[in-house]
Amino acid sequence: MTYAIIQIGGKQFWIQAGRFYDVNKIKANPGETILLRKVLFLNKNGEIQVGYPCIGTVNIKAKVLKHFKSRKITVFKMKPKKNMKSKRGYRQDLTRLFIQEI
């Protein structure tokens, strides 16, 4: 089983080839193929490579499927006895990536 741990947008993801993942928005058009170079860990059929902090020789090919927004998060603040109420909503911009090969 081949898998890798990569860093995208300040977060770390455990990925496998042939699956898709939702990450923070990336500046790329849908249909483009991108290379992910921040590979922190790689396990290729029991052969392990660990980066300090990244492995320089490994690139991961991913295809941008679409851009979308996540589900809405409601933020409600209230201070009792002060007549203060605040209600806001927030939706994070996301990108769906399909991992083609490691």
PDB file of N, CA and C in Angstrom:
ATOM      1  N   MET A   1       0.845  -1.178   0.000  1.00  0.00           N
ATOM      2  CA  MET A   1       0.000   0.000   0.000  1.00  0.00           C
ATOM      3  C   MET A   1       0.891   1.242   0.000  1.00  0.00           C
ATOM      4  N   THR A   2       0.645   2.128  -0.927  1.00  0.00           N
ATOM      5  CA  THR A   2       1.417   3.345  -1.051  1.00  0.00           C
ATOM      6  C   THR A   2       0.584   4.514  -0.546  1.00  0.00           C
ATOM      7  N   TYR A   3       1.158   5.275   0.373  1.00  0.00           N
ATOM      8  CA  TYR A   3       0.505   6.484   0.849  1.00  0.00           C
ATOM      9  C   TYR A   3       1.564   7.515   1.198  1.00  0.00           C
ATOM     10  N   ALA A   4       1.111   8.761   1.352  1.00  0.00           N
ATOM     11  CA  ALA A   4       2.033   9.846   1.679  1.00  0.00           C
ATOM     12  C   ALA A   4       1.328  10.823   2.608  1.00  0.00           C
ATOM     13  N   ILE A   5       2.121  11.572   3.338  1.00  0.00           N
ATOM     14  CA  ILE A   5       1.615  12.676   4.152  1.00  0.00           C
ATOM     15  C   ILE A   5       2.179  13.948   3.530  1.00  0.00           C
ATOM     16  N   ILE A   6       1.275  14.843   3.114  1.00  0.00           N
ATOM     17  CA  ILE A   6       1.701  16.068   2.447  1.00  0.00           C
ATOM     18  C   ILE A   6       1.164  17.275   3.202  1.00  0.00           C
ATOM     19  N   GLN A   7       1.713  18.440   2.882  1.00  0.00           N
ATOM     20  CA  GLN A   7       1.266  19.688   3.483  1.00  0.00           C
ATOM     21  C   GLN A   7       0.718  20.582   2.384  1.00  0.00           C
ATOM     22  N   ILE A   8      -0.550  20.995   2.544  1.00  0.00           N
ATOM     23  CA  ILE A   8      -1.196  21.912   1.606  1.00  0.00           C
ATOM     24  C   ILE A   8      -1.930  22.964   2.422  1.00  0.00           C
ATOM     25  N   GLY A   9      -1.632  24.222   2.187  1.00  0.00           N
ATOM     26  CA  GLY A   9      -2.372  25.305   2.833  1.00  0.00           C
ATOM     27  C   GLY A   9      -2.274  25.304   4.338  1.00  0.00           C
ATOM     28  N   GLY A  10      -1.140  24.900   4.901  1.00  0.00           N
ATOM     29  CA  GLY A  10      -0.954  24.917   6.337  1.00  0.00           C
ATOM     30  C   GLY A  10      -1.532  23.716   7.057  1.00  0.00           C
ATOM     31  N   LYS A  11      -2.101  22.764   6.323  1.00  0.00           N
ATOM     32  CA  LYS A  11      -2.659  21.555   6.918  1.00  0.00           C
ATOM     33  C   LYS A  11      -1.944  20.339   6.346  1.00  0.00           C
ATOM     34  N   GLN A  12      -1.965  19.250   7.094  1.00  0.00           N
ATOM     35  CA  GLN A  12      -1.332  18.015   6.652  1.00  0.00           C
ATOM     36  C   GLN A  12      -2.413  16.988   6.312  1.00  0.00           C
ATOM     37  N   PHE A  13      -2.205  16.289   5.195  1.00  0.00           N
ATOM     38  CA  PHE A  13      -3.172  15.311   4.715  1.00  0.00           C
ATOM     39  C   PHE A  13      -2.487  13.980   4.485  1.00  0.00           C
ATOM     40  N   TRP A  14      -3.183  12.893   4.845  1.00  0.00           N
ATOM     41  CA  TRP A  14      -2.751  11.526   4.593  1.00  0.00           C
ATOM     42  C   TRP A  14      -3.435  11.123   3.305  1.00  0.00           C
ATOM     43  N   ILE A  15      -2.673  10.911   2.212  1.00  0.00           N
ATOM     44  CA  ILE A  15      -3.285  10.712   0.898  1.00  0.00           C
ATOM     45  C   ILE A  15      -2.868   9.383   0.287  1.00  0.00           C
ATOM     46  N   GLN A  16      -3.711   8.914  -0.635  1.00  0.00           N
ATOM     47  CA  GLN A  16      -3.451   7.732  -1.454  1.00  0.00           C
ATOM     48  C   GLN A  16      -3.797   8.067  -2.897  1.00  0.00           C
ATOM     49  N   ALA A  17      -3.184   7.381  -3.830  1.00  0.00           N
ATOM     50  CA  ALA A  17      -3.483   7.596  -5.244  1.00  0.00           C
ATOM     51  C   ALA A  17      -4.869   7.060  -5.569  1.00  0.00           C
ATOM     52  N   GLY A  18      -5.575   7.753  -6.472  1.00  0.00           N
ATOM     53  CA  GLY A  18      -6.898   7.314  -6.900  1.00  0.00           C
ATOM     54  C   GLY A  18      -8.033   7.813  -6.035  1.00  0.00           C
ATOM     55  N   ARG A  19      -7.764   8.681  -5.092  1.00  0.00           N
ATOM     56  CA  ARG A  19      -8.812   9.244  -4.220  1.00  0.00           C
ATOM     57  C   ARG A  19      -8.828  10.756  -4.362  1.00  0.00           C
ATOM     58  N   PHE A  20      -9.930  11.386  -3.915  1.00  0.00           N
ATOM     59  CA  PHE A  20      -9.995  12.844  -3.960  1.00  0.00           C
ATOM     60  C   PHE A  20     -10.078  13.405  -2.547  1.00  0.00           C
ATOM     61  N   TYR A  21      -9.579  14.644  -2.404  1.00  0.00           N
ATOM     62  CA  TYR A  21      -9.504  15.308  -1.101  1.00  0.00           C
ATOM     63  C   TYR A  21      -9.923  16.758  -1.259  1.00  0.00           C
ATOM     64  N   ASP A  22     -10.555  17.310  -0.215  1.00  0.00           N
ATOM     65  CA  ASP A  22     -10.966  18.709  -0.189  1.00  0.00           C
ATOM     66  C   ASP A  22      -9.965  19.498   0.644  1.00  0.00           C
ATOM     67  N   VAL A  23      -9.325  20.493   0.022  1.00  0.00           N
ATOM     68  CA  VAL A  23      -8.302  21.305   0.674  1.00  0.00           C
ATOM     69  C   VAL A  23      -8.692  22.766   0.547  1.00  0.00           C
ATOM     70  N   ASN A  24      -7.994  23.647   1.275  1.00  0.00           N
ATOM     71  CA  ASN A  24      -8.226  25.076   1.130  1.00  0.00           C
ATOM     72  C   ASN A  24      -7.981  25.494  -0.313  1.00  0.00           C
ATOM     73  N   LYS A  25      -8.623  26.578  -0.740  1.00  0.00           N
ATOM     74  CA  LYS A  25      -8.604  26.976  -2.141  1.00  0.00           C
ATOM     75  C   LYS A  25      -7.187  27.180  -2.662  1.00  0.00           C
ATOM     76  N   ILE A  26      -6.935  26.622  -3.848  1.00  0.00           N
ATOM     77  CA  ILE A  26      -5.646  26.727  -4.531  1.00  0.00           C
ATOM     78  C   ILE A  26      -5.858  27.548  -5.794  1.00  0.00           C
ATOM     79  N   LYS A  27      -4.891  28.378  -6.136  1.00  0.00           N
ATOM     80  CA  LYS A  27      -4.992  29.200  -7.340  1.00  0.00           C
ATOM     81  C   LYS A  27      -4.645  28.361  -8.564  1.00  0.00           C
ATOM     82  N   ALA A  28      -5.605  27.596  -9.033  1.00  0.00           N
ATOM     83  CA  ALA A  28      -5.475  26.779 -10.235  1.00  0.00           C
ATOM     84  C   ALA A  28      -6.869  26.598 -10.812  1.00  0.00           C
ATOM     85  N   ASN A  29      -6.955  26.496 -12.123  1.00  0.00           N
ATOM     86  CA  ASN A  29      -8.244  26.328 -12.790  1.00  0.00           C
ATOM     87  C   ASN A  29      -8.671  24.866 -12.771  1.00  0.00           C
ATOM     88  N   PRO A  30      -9.989  24.605 -12.746  1.00  0.00           N
ATOM     89  CA  PRO A  30     -10.457  23.220 -12.814  1.00  0.00           C
ATOM     90  C   PRO A  30      -9.986  22.547 -14.101  1.00  0.00           C
ATOM     91  N   GLY A  31      -9.510  21.321 -13.976  1.00  0.00           N
ATOM     92  CA  GLY A  31      -8.978  20.578 -15.105  1.00  0.00           C
ATOM     93  C   GLY A  31      -7.464  20.609 -15.192  1.00  0.00           C
ATOM     94  N   GLU A  32      -6.815  21.529 -14.490  1.00  0.00           N
ATOM     95  CA  GLU A  32      -5.354  21.611 -14.508  1.00  0.00           C
ATOM     96  C   GLU A  32      -4.740  20.505 -13.665  1.00  0.00           C
ATOM     97  N   THR A  33      -3.531  20.109 -14.040  1.00  0.00           N
ATOM     98  CA  THR A  33      -2.756  19.154 -13.265  1.00  0.00           C
ATOM     99  C   THR A  33      -1.666  19.924 -12.532  1.00  0.00           C
ATOM    100  N   ILE A  34      -1.559  19.705 -11.220  1.00  0.00           N
ATOM    101  CA  ILE A  34      -0.567  20.413 -10.412  1.00  0.00           C
ATOM    102  C   ILE A  34       0.369  19.407  -9.757  1.00  0.00           C
ATOM    103  N   LEU A  35       1.545  19.882  -9.382  1.00  0.00           N
ATOM    104  CA  LEU A  35       2.517  19.065  -8.665  1.00  0.00           C
ATOM    105  C   LEU A  35       2.573  19.539  -7.214  1.00  0.00           C
ATOM    106  N   LEU A  36       2.450  18.617  -6.293  1.00  0.00           N
ATOM    107  CA  LEU A  36       2.547  18.917  -4.867  1.00  0.00           C
ATOM    108  C   LEU A  36       3.932  18.499  -4.406  1.00  0.00           C
ATOM    109  N   ARG A  37       4.722  19.457  -3.950  1.00  0.00           N
ATOM    110  CA  ARG A  37       6.126  19.193  -3.639  1.00  0.00           C
ATOM    111  C   ARG A  37       6.423  19.074  -2.146  1.00  0.00           C
ATOM    112  N   LYS A  38       5.502  19.473  -1.294  1.00  0.00           N
ATOM    113  CA  LYS A  38       5.749  19.412   0.153  1.00  0.00           C
ATOM    114  C   LYS A  38       5.320  18.053   0.698  1.00  0.00           C
ATOM    115  N   VAL A  39       6.119  17.046   0.413  1.00  0.00           N
ATOM    116  CA  VAL A  39       5.858  15.682   0.877  1.00  0.00           C
ATOM    117  C   VAL A  39       6.666  15.472   2.154  1.00  0.00           C
ATOM    118  N   LEU A  40       5.981  15.203   3.253  1.00  0.00           N
ATOM    119  CA  LEU A  40       6.626  15.059   4.545  1.00  0.00           C
ATOM    120  C   LEU A  40       7.007  13.607   4.842  1.00  0.00           C
ATOM    121  N   PHE A  41       6.217  12.655   4.326  1.00  0.00           N
ATOM    122  CA  PHE A  41       6.409  11.238   4.637  1.00  0.00           C
ATOM    123  C   PHE A  41       5.911  10.422   3.454  1.00  0.00           C
ATOM    124  N   LEU A  42       6.617   9.349   3.125  1.00  0.00           N
ATOM    125  CA  LEU A  42       6.211   8.489   2.022  1.00  0.00           C
ATOM    126  C   LEU A  42       6.420   7.032   2.403  1.00  0.00           C
ATOM    127  N   ASN A  43       5.383   6.225   2.234  1.00  0.00           N
ATOM    128  CA  ASN A  43       5.458   4.783   2.446  1.00  0.00           C
ATOM    129  C   ASN A  43       5.097   4.121   1.129  1.00  0.00           C
ATOM    130  N   LYS A  44       6.080   3.530   0.466  1.00  0.00           N
ATOM    131  CA  LYS A  44       5.868   2.896  -0.830  1.00  0.00           C
ATOM    132  C   LYS A  44       6.102   1.397  -0.666  1.00  0.00           C
ATOM    133  N   ASN A  45       5.020   0.673  -0.396  1.00  0.00           N
ATOM    134  CA  ASN A  45       5.049  -0.789  -0.201  1.00  0.00           C
ATOM    135  C   ASN A  45       6.041  -1.210   0.879  1.00  0.00           C
ATOM    136  N   GLY A  46       6.017  -0.534   2.008  1.00  0.00           N
ATOM    137  CA  GLY A  46       6.879  -0.865   3.138  1.00  0.00           C
ATOM    138  C   GLY A  46       8.203  -0.131   3.148  1.00  0.00           C
ATOM    139  N   GLU A  47       8.541   0.537   2.072  1.00  0.00           N
ATOM    140  CA  GLU A  47       9.779   1.322   2.001  1.00  0.00           C
ATOM    141  C   GLU A  47       9.458   2.744   2.448  1.00  0.00           C
ATOM    142  N   ILE A  48       9.997   3.150   3.591  1.00  0.00           N
ATOM    143  CA  ILE A  48       9.618   4.406   4.226  1.00  0.00           C
ATOM    144  C   ILE A  48      10.679   5.470   3.983  1.00  0.00           C
ATOM    145  N   GLN A  49      10.209   6.681   3.632  1.00  0.00           N
ATOM    146  CA  GLN A  49      11.074   7.859   3.523  1.00  0.00           C
ATOM    147  C   GLN A  49      10.484   8.966   4.387  1.00  0.00           C
ATOM    148  N   VAL A  50      11.333   9.596   5.181  1.00  0.00           N
ATOM    149  CA  VAL A  50      10.906  10.685   6.042  1.00  0.00           C
ATOM    150  C   VAL A  50      11.690  11.926   5.652  1.00  0.00           C
ATOM    151  N   GLY A  51      11.010  13.050   5.494  1.00  0.00           N
ATOM    152  CA  GLY A  51      11.668  14.287   5.101  1.00  0.00           C
ATOM    153  C   GLY A  51      12.061  15.128   6.299  1.00  0.00           C
ATOM    154  N   TYR A  52      13.065  15.980   6.090  1.00  0.00           N
ATOM    155  CA  TYR A  52      13.530  16.890   7.149  1.00  0.00           C
ATOM    156  C   TYR A  52      13.551  18.309   6.636  1.00  0.00           C
ATOM    157  N   PRO A  53      12.493  19.050   6.520  1.00  0.00           N
ATOM    158  CA  PRO A  53      11.093  18.705   6.773  1.00  0.00           C
ATOM    159  C   PRO A  53      10.411  18.062   5.572  1.00  0.00           C
ATOM    160  N   CYS A  54      10.934  18.244   4.339  1.00  0.00           N
ATOM    161  CA  CYS A  54      10.276  17.700   3.150  1.00  0.00           C
ATOM    162  C   CYS A  54      11.231  16.791   2.383  1.00  0.00           C
ATOM    163  N   ILE A  55      10.653  15.868   1.625  1.00  0.00           N
ATOM    164  CA  ILE A  55      11.430  15.010   0.742  1.00  0.00           C
ATOM    165  C   ILE A  55      11.565  15.745  -0.586  1.00  0.00           C
ATOM    166  N   GLY A  56      12.779  16.026  -0.998  1.00  0.00           N
ATOM    167  CA  GLY A  56      12.999  16.843  -2.186  1.00  0.00           C
ATOM    168  C   GLY A  56      12.826  16.114  -3.503  1.00  0.00           C
ATOM    169  N   THR A  57      12.932  14.790  -3.516  1.00  0.00           N
ATOM    170  CA  THR A  57      12.911  14.049  -4.771  1.00  0.00           C
ATOM    171  C   THR A  57      11.528  13.537  -5.147  1.00  0.00           C
ATOM    172  N   VAL A  58      10.541  13.698  -4.305  1.00  0.00           N
ATOM    173  CA  VAL A  58       9.217  13.130  -4.549  1.00  0.00           C
ATOM    174  C   VAL A  58       8.238  14.242  -4.892  1.00  0.00           C
ATOM    175  N   ASN A  59       7.510  14.054  -5.999  1.00  0.00           N
ATOM    176  CA  ASN A  59       6.426  14.953  -6.382  1.00  0.00           C
ATOM    177  C   ASN A  59       5.149  14.132  -6.508  1.00  0.00           C
ATOM    178  N   ILE A  60       4.022  14.765  -6.201  1.00  0.00           N
ATOM    179  CA  ILE A  60       2.734  14.104  -6.297  1.00  0.00           C
ATOM    180  C   ILE A  60       1.909  14.840  -7.342  1.00  0.00           C
ATOM    181  N   LYS A  61       1.368  14.092  -8.300  1.00  0.00           N
ATOM    182  CA  LYS A  61       0.583  14.690  -9.370  1.00  0.00           C
ATOM    183  C   LYS A  61      -0.887  14.650  -8.975  1.00  0.00           C
ATOM    184  N   ALA A  62      -1.536  15.825  -9.011  1.00  0.00           N
ATOM    185  CA  ALA A  62      -2.948  15.927  -8.645  1.00  0.00           C
ATOM    186  C   ALA A  62      -3.687  16.746  -9.690  1.00  0.00           C
ATOM    187  N   LYS A  63      -4.955  16.431  -9.871  1.00  0.00           N
ATOM    188  CA  LYS A  63      -5.791  17.153 -10.824  1.00  0.00           C
ATOM    189  C   LYS A  63      -6.844  17.933 -10.051  1.00  0.00           C
ATOM    190  N   VAL A  64      -7.035  19.205 -10.420  1.00  0.00           N
ATOM    191  CA  VAL A  64      -8.045  20.055  -9.783  1.00  0.00           C
ATOM    192  C   VAL A  64      -9.388  19.721 -10.411  1.00  0.00           C
ATOM    193  N   LEU A  65     -10.331  19.224  -9.605  1.00  0.00           N
ATOM    194  CA  LEU A  65     -11.646  18.863 -10.128  1.00  0.00           C
ATOM    195  C   LEU A  65     -12.600  20.045 -10.132  1.00  0.00           C
ATOM    196  N   LYS A  66     -12.711  20.749  -8.985  1.00  0.00           N
ATOM    197  CA  LYS A  66     -13.620  21.893  -8.926  1.00  0.00           C
ATOM    198  C   LYS A  66     -13.317  22.757  -7.703  1.00  0.00           C
ATOM    199  N   HIS A  67     -13.854  23.972  -7.713  1.00  0.00           N
ATOM    200  CA  HIS A  67     -13.818  24.874  -6.569  1.00  0.00           C
ATOM    201  C   HIS A  67     -15.250  24.972  -6.035  1.00  0.00           C
ATOM    202  N   PHE A  68     -15.394  24.984  -4.721  1.00  0.00           N
ATOM    203  CA  PHE A  68     -16.721  25.089  -4.124  1.00  0.00           C
ATOM    204  C   PHE A  68     -16.594  25.662  -2.723  1.00  0.00           C
ATOM    205  N   LYS A  69     -17.737  25.869  -2.082  1.00  0.00           N
ATOM    206  CA  LYS A  69     -17.761  26.368  -0.706  1.00  0.00           C
ATOM    207  C   LYS A  69     -18.217  25.262   0.228  1.00  0.00           C
ATOM    208  N   SER A  70     -17.669  25.266   1.443  1.00  0.00           N
ATOM    209  CA  SER A  70     -18.054  24.262   2.425  1.00  0.00           C
ATOM    210  C   SER A  70     -19.427  24.590   2.997  1.00  0.00           C
ATOM    211  N   ARG A  71     -19.893  23.731   3.883  1.00  0.00           N
ATOM    212  CA  ARG A  71     -21.194  24.001   4.493  1.00  0.00           C
ATOM    213  C   ARG A  71     -21.091  25.205   5.412  1.00  0.00           C
ATOM    214  N   LYS A  72     -22.217  25.843   5.668  1.00  0.00           N
ATOM    215  CA  LYS A  72     -22.233  27.084   6.422  1.00  0.00           C
ATOM    216  C   LYS A  72     -22.027  26.839   7.912  1.00  0.00           C
ATOM    217  N   ILE A  73     -21.174  27.666   8.508  1.00  0.00           N
ATOM    218  CA  ILE A  73     -20.941  27.654   9.948  1.00  0.00           C
ATOM    219  C   ILE A  73     -21.562  28.921  10.504  1.00  0.00           C
ATOM    220  N   THR A  74     -22.420  28.786  11.506  1.00  0.00           N
ATOM    221  CA  THR A  74     -23.078  29.928  12.120  1.00  0.00           C
ATOM    222  C   THR A  74     -22.347  30.315  13.396  1.00  0.00           C
ATOM    223  N   VAL A  75     -21.988  31.594  13.490  1.00  0.00           N
ATOM    224  CA  VAL A  75     -21.299  32.120  14.670  1.00  0.00           C
ATOM    225  C   VAL A  75     -22.279  33.047  15.377  1.00  0.00           C
ATOM    226  N   PHE A  76     -22.631  32.727  16.622  1.00  0.00           N
ATOM    227  CA  PHE A  76     -23.583  33.531  17.393  1.00  0.00           C
ATOM    228  C   PHE A  76     -22.923  33.959  18.698  1.00  0.00           C
ATOM    229  N   LYS A  77     -22.911  35.262  18.943  1.00  0.00           N
ATOM    230  CA  LYS A  77     -22.344  35.805  20.182  1.00  0.00           C
ATOM    231  C   LYS A  77     -23.431  36.583  20.909  1.00  0.00           C
ATOM    232  N   MET A  78     -23.395  36.465  22.243  1.00  0.00           N
ATOM    233  CA  MET A  78     -24.394  37.167  23.047  1.00  0.00           C
ATOM    234  C   MET A  78     -23.805  37.503  24.405  1.00  0.00           C
ATOM    235  N   LYS A  79     -24.060  38.705  24.849  1.00  0.00           N
ATOM    236  CA  LYS A  79     -23.668  39.082  26.203  1.00  0.00           C
ATOM    237  C   LYS A  79     -24.946  39.316  27.003  1.00  0.00           C
ATOM    238  N   PRO A  80     -25.149  38.525  28.051  1.00  0.00           N
ATOM    239  CA  PRO A  80     -26.387  38.680  28.817  1.00  0.00           C
ATOM    240  C   PRO A  80     -26.432  40.019  29.560  1.00  0.00           C
ATOM    241  N   LYS A  81     -27.622  40.546  29.690  1.00  0.00           N
ATOM    242  CA  LYS A  81     -27.909  41.782  30.409  1.00  0.00           C
ATOM    243  C   LYS A  81     -27.320  43.017  29.743  1.00  0.00           C
ATOM    244  N   LYS A  82     -26.736  42.908  28.568  1.00  0.00           N
ATOM    245  CA  LYS A  82     -26.151  44.065  27.863  1.00  0.00           C
ATOM    246  C   LYS A  82     -26.865  44.342  26.544  1.00  0.00           C
ATOM    247  N   ASN A  83     -27.862  43.539  26.204  1.00  0.00           N
ATOM    248  CA  ASN A  83     -28.622  43.681  24.967  1.00  0.00           C
ATOM    249  C   ASN A  83     -27.710  43.640  23.735  1.00  0.00           C
ATOM    250  N   MET A  84     -26.726  42.738  23.765  1.00  0.00           N
ATOM    251  CA  MET A  84     -25.799  42.597  22.645  1.00  0.00           C
ATOM    252  C   MET A  84     -25.946  41.199  22.062  1.00  0.00           C
ATOM    253  N   LYS A  85     -26.304  41.140  20.769  1.00  0.00           N
ATOM    254  CA  LYS A  85     -26.399  39.873  20.050  1.00  0.00           C
ATOM    255  C   LYS A  85     -25.786  40.070  18.673  1.00  0.00           C
ATOM    256  N   SER A  86     -25.040  39.070  18.233  1.00  0.00           N
ATOM    257  CA  SER A  86     -24.401  39.124  16.925  1.00  0.00           C
ATOM    258  C   SER A  86     -24.484  37.742  16.285  1.00  0.00           C
ATOM    259  N   LYS A  87     -24.998  37.690  15.071  1.00  0.00           N
ATOM    260  CA  LYS A  87     -25.115  36.426  14.362  1.00  0.00           C
ATOM    261  C   LYS A  87     -24.496  36.585  12.976  1.00  0.00           C
ATOM    262  N   ARG A  88     -23.524  35.723  12.673  1.00  0.00           N
ATOM    263  CA  ARG A  88     -22.846  35.761  11.384  1.00  0.00           C
ATOM    264  C   ARG A  88     -22.707  34.346  10.846  1.00  0.00           C
ATOM    265  N   GLY A  89     -22.595  34.247   9.536  1.00  0.00           N
ATOM    266  CA  GLY A  89     -22.359  32.968   8.894  1.00  0.00           C
ATOM    267  C   GLY A  89     -21.044  33.015   8.138  1.00  0.00           C
ATOM    268  N   TYR A  90     -20.461  31.840   7.925  1.00  0.00           N
ATOM    269  CA  TYR A  90     -19.182  31.767   7.238  1.00  0.00           C
ATOM    270  C   TYR A  90     -19.120  30.491   6.419  1.00  0.00           C
ATOM    271  N   ARG A  91     -18.600  30.609   5.187  1.00  0.00           N
ATOM    272  CA  ARG A  91     -18.384  29.441   4.326  1.00  0.00           C
ATOM    273  C   ARG A  91     -16.970  29.506   3.771  1.00  0.00           C
ATOM    274  N   GLN A  92     -16.188  28.463   4.007  1.00  0.00           N
ATOM    275  CA  GLN A  92     -14.795  28.389   3.556  1.00  0.00           C
ATOM    276  C   GLN A  92     -14.744  28.002   2.081  1.00  0.00           C
ATOM    277  N   ASP A  93     -13.876  28.665   1.302  1.00  0.00           N
ATOM    278  CA  ASP A  93     -13.638  28.279  -0.086  1.00  0.00           C
ATOM    279  C   ASP A  93     -12.730  27.052  -0.122  1.00  0.00           C
ATOM    280  N   LEU A  94     -13.138  26.026  -0.851  1.00  0.00           N
ATOM    281  CA  LEU A  94     -12.394  24.773  -0.919  1.00  0.00           C
ATOM    282  C   LEU A  94     -12.100  24.393  -2.369  1.00  0.00           C
ATOM    283  N   THR A  95     -11.111  23.538  -2.543  1.00  0.00           N
ATOM    284  CA  THR A  95     -10.766  22.966  -3.840  1.00  0.00           C
ATOM    285  C   THR A  95     -10.759  21.452  -3.693  1.00  0.00           C
ATOM    286  N   ARG A  96     -11.361  20.755  -4.638  1.00  0.00           N
ATOM    287  CA  ARG A  96     -11.356  19.295  -4.632  1.00  0.00           C
ATOM    288  C   ARG A  96     -10.241  18.819  -5.564  1.00  0.00           C
ATOM    289  N   LEU A  97      -9.290  18.028  -4.988  1.00  0.00           N
ATOM    290  CA  LEU A  97      -8.164  17.496  -5.738  1.00  0.00           C
ATOM    291  C   LEU A  97      -8.304  15.999  -5.900  1.00  0.00           C
ATOM    292  N   PHE A  98      -7.961  15.498  -7.090  1.00  0.00           N
ATOM    293  CA  PHE A  98      -7.901  14.062  -7.341  1.00  0.00           C
ATOM    294  C   PHE A  98      -6.433  13.689  -7.472  1.00  0.00           C
ATOM    295  N   ILE A  99      -5.964  12.792  -6.619  1.00  0.00           N
ATOM    296  CA  ILE A  99      -4.556  12.382  -6.613  1.00  0.00           C
ATOM    297  C   ILE A  99      -4.374  11.341  -7.708  1.00  0.00           C
ATOM    298  N   GLN A 100      -3.588  11.677  -8.737  1.00  0.00           N
ATOM    299  CA  GLN A 100      -3.375  10.772  -9.859  1.00  0.00           C
ATOM    300  C   GLN A 100      -2.266   9.775  -9.589  1.00  0.00           C
ATOM    301  N   GLU A 101      -1.123  10.253  -9.129  1.00  0.00           N
ATOM    302  CA  GLU A 101      -0.022   9.328  -8.858  1.00  0.00           C
ATOM    303  C   GLU A 101       0.915   9.911  -7.809  1.00  0.00           C
ATOM    304  N   ILE A 102       1.564   8.995  -7.095  1.00  0.00           N
ATOM    305  CA  ILE A 102       2.541   9.380  -6.078  1.00  0.00           C
ATOM    306  C   ILE A 102       3.912   8.961  -6.576  1.00  0.00           C
TER     307      ILE A 102
END
